[in-house]
């Protein structure tokens, strides 16, 4: 897998993140086949999750 340039990524915070500055997950949309995910408190390297795995995660989280 070749590196993905995230320098122009637009990050959005999860609606489930708390408002006290902790537990904040951000994702960037618009990348084919992957969803970049990072910690907003420490926005260093993002992890790349396949779009299929991310969809399964979101479906599971919505059912909880």
C-alpha atoms as a PDB file:
ATOM      1  CA  UNK A   1       0.000   0.000   0.000  1.00  0.00           C
ATOM      2  CA  UNK A   2       1.440   3.359  -0.947  1.00  0.00           C
ATOM      3  CA  UNK A   3       1.419   6.251   1.534  1.00  0.00           C
ATOM      4  CA  UNK A   4      -1.606   8.524   1.488  1.00  0.00           C
ATOM      5  CA  UNK A   5      -1.061  12.287   1.574  1.00  0.00           C
ATOM      6  CA  UNK A   6      -3.203  13.664   4.425  1.00  0.00           C
ATOM      7  CA  UNK A   7      -1.825  17.224   4.288  1.00  0.00           C
ATOM      8  CA  UNK A   8      -5.055  18.575   2.764  1.00  0.00           C
ATOM      9  CA  UNK A   9      -7.418  16.274   4.691  1.00  0.00           C
ATOM     10  CA  UNK A  10     -10.481  17.795   6.298  1.00  0.00           C
ATOM     11  CA  UNK A  11     -10.912  16.163   9.692  1.00  0.00           C
ATOM     12  CA  UNK A  12     -14.231  15.861  11.493  1.00  0.00           C
ATOM     13  CA  UNK A  13     -14.757  14.903  15.098  1.00  0.00           C
ATOM     14  CA  UNK A  14     -16.978  12.011  16.052  1.00  0.00           C
ATOM     15  CA  UNK A  15     -20.390  13.049  17.354  1.00  0.00           C
ATOM     16  CA  UNK A  16     -19.765  10.571  20.199  1.00  0.00           C
ATOM     17  CA  UNK A  17     -16.642  12.384  21.404  1.00  0.00           C
ATOM     18  CA  UNK A  18     -17.085  14.210  24.650  1.00  0.00           C
ATOM     19  CA  UNK A  19     -17.002  18.014  24.910  1.00  0.00           C
ATOM     20  CA  UNK A  20     -14.408  18.121  27.703  1.00  0.00           C
ATOM     21  CA  UNK A  21     -11.476  17.701  25.334  1.00  0.00           C
ATOM     22  CA  UNK A  22     -11.017  13.987  25.955  1.00  0.00           C
ATOM     23  CA  UNK A  23     -11.877  10.847  24.041  1.00  0.00           C
ATOM     24  CA  UNK A  24     -11.975  12.662  20.706  1.00  0.00           C
ATOM     25  CA  UNK A  25     -11.743  10.617  17.533  1.00  0.00           C
ATOM     26  CA  UNK A  26     -11.457  12.353  14.173  1.00  0.00           C
ATOM     27  CA  UNK A  27     -11.889  10.900  10.699  1.00  0.00           C
ATOM     28  CA  UNK A  28     -11.197  12.266   7.251  1.00  0.00           C
ATOM     29  CA  UNK A  29     -13.563  11.554   4.370  1.00  0.00           C
ATOM     30  CA  UNK A  30     -12.888  11.315   0.664  1.00  0.00           C
ATOM     31  CA  UNK A  31     -10.167   8.668   0.473  1.00  0.00           C
ATOM     32  CA  UNK A  32     -10.839   5.684  -1.750  1.00  0.00           C
ATOM     33  CA  UNK A  33     -10.874   2.386   0.106  1.00  0.00           C
ATOM     34  CA  UNK A  34      -9.680   3.685   3.482  1.00  0.00           C
ATOM     35  CA  UNK A  35     -10.791   5.901   6.350  1.00  0.00           C
ATOM     36  CA  UNK A  36      -7.992   7.814   8.109  1.00  0.00           C
ATOM     37  CA  UNK A  37      -8.613   7.949  11.890  1.00  0.00           C
ATOM     38  CA  UNK A  38      -6.690   9.931  14.491  1.00  0.00           C
ATOM     39  CA  UNK A  39      -6.820  11.161  18.079  1.00  0.00           C
ATOM     40  CA  UNK A  40      -7.693  14.871  18.118  1.00  0.00           C
ATOM     41  CA  UNK A  41      -5.752  15.422  21.353  1.00  0.00           C
ATOM     42  CA  UNK A  42      -2.609  14.072  19.704  1.00  0.00           C
ATOM     43  CA  UNK A  43      -3.123  14.510  15.947  1.00  0.00           C
ATOM     44  CA  UNK A  44       0.015  12.702  14.924  1.00  0.00           C
ATOM     45  CA  UNK A  45      -0.017   9.832  12.477  1.00  0.00           C
ATOM     46  CA  UNK A  46      -3.430   8.544  11.503  1.00  0.00           C
ATOM     47  CA  UNK A  47      -4.294   4.897  11.292  1.00  0.00           C
ATOM     48  CA  UNK A  48      -5.801   3.728   8.034  1.00  0.00           C
ATOM     49  CA  UNK A  49      -8.843   1.501   8.329  1.00  0.00           C
ATOM     50  CA  UNK A  50     -10.402  -0.158   5.311  1.00  0.00           C
ATOM     51  CA  UNK A  51     -13.720   1.374   4.351  1.00  0.00           C
ATOM     52  CA  UNK A  52     -15.339  -2.052   4.791  1.00  0.00           C
ATOM     53  CA  UNK A  53     -14.013  -2.457   8.342  1.00  0.00           C
ATOM     54  CA  UNK A  54     -15.007   1.128   9.182  1.00  0.00           C
ATOM     55  CA  UNK A  55     -18.539   0.493   7.936  1.00  0.00           C
ATOM     56  CA  UNK A  56     -18.787  -2.606  10.151  1.00  0.00           C
ATOM     57  CA  UNK A  57     -17.518  -0.611  13.139  1.00  0.00           C
ATOM     58  CA  UNK A  58     -20.017   2.218  12.572  1.00  0.00           C
ATOM     59  CA  UNK A  59     -22.899  -0.242  12.135  1.00  0.00           C
ATOM     60  CA  UNK A  60     -21.934  -1.976  15.380  1.00  0.00           C
ATOM     61  CA  UNK A  61     -21.529   1.308  17.284  1.00  0.00           C
ATOM     62  CA  UNK A  62     -24.938   2.544  16.128  1.00  0.00           C
ATOM     63  CA  UNK A  63     -26.584  -0.598  17.504  1.00  0.00           C
ATOM     64  CA  UNK A  64     -25.094  -0.107  20.990  1.00  0.00           C
END
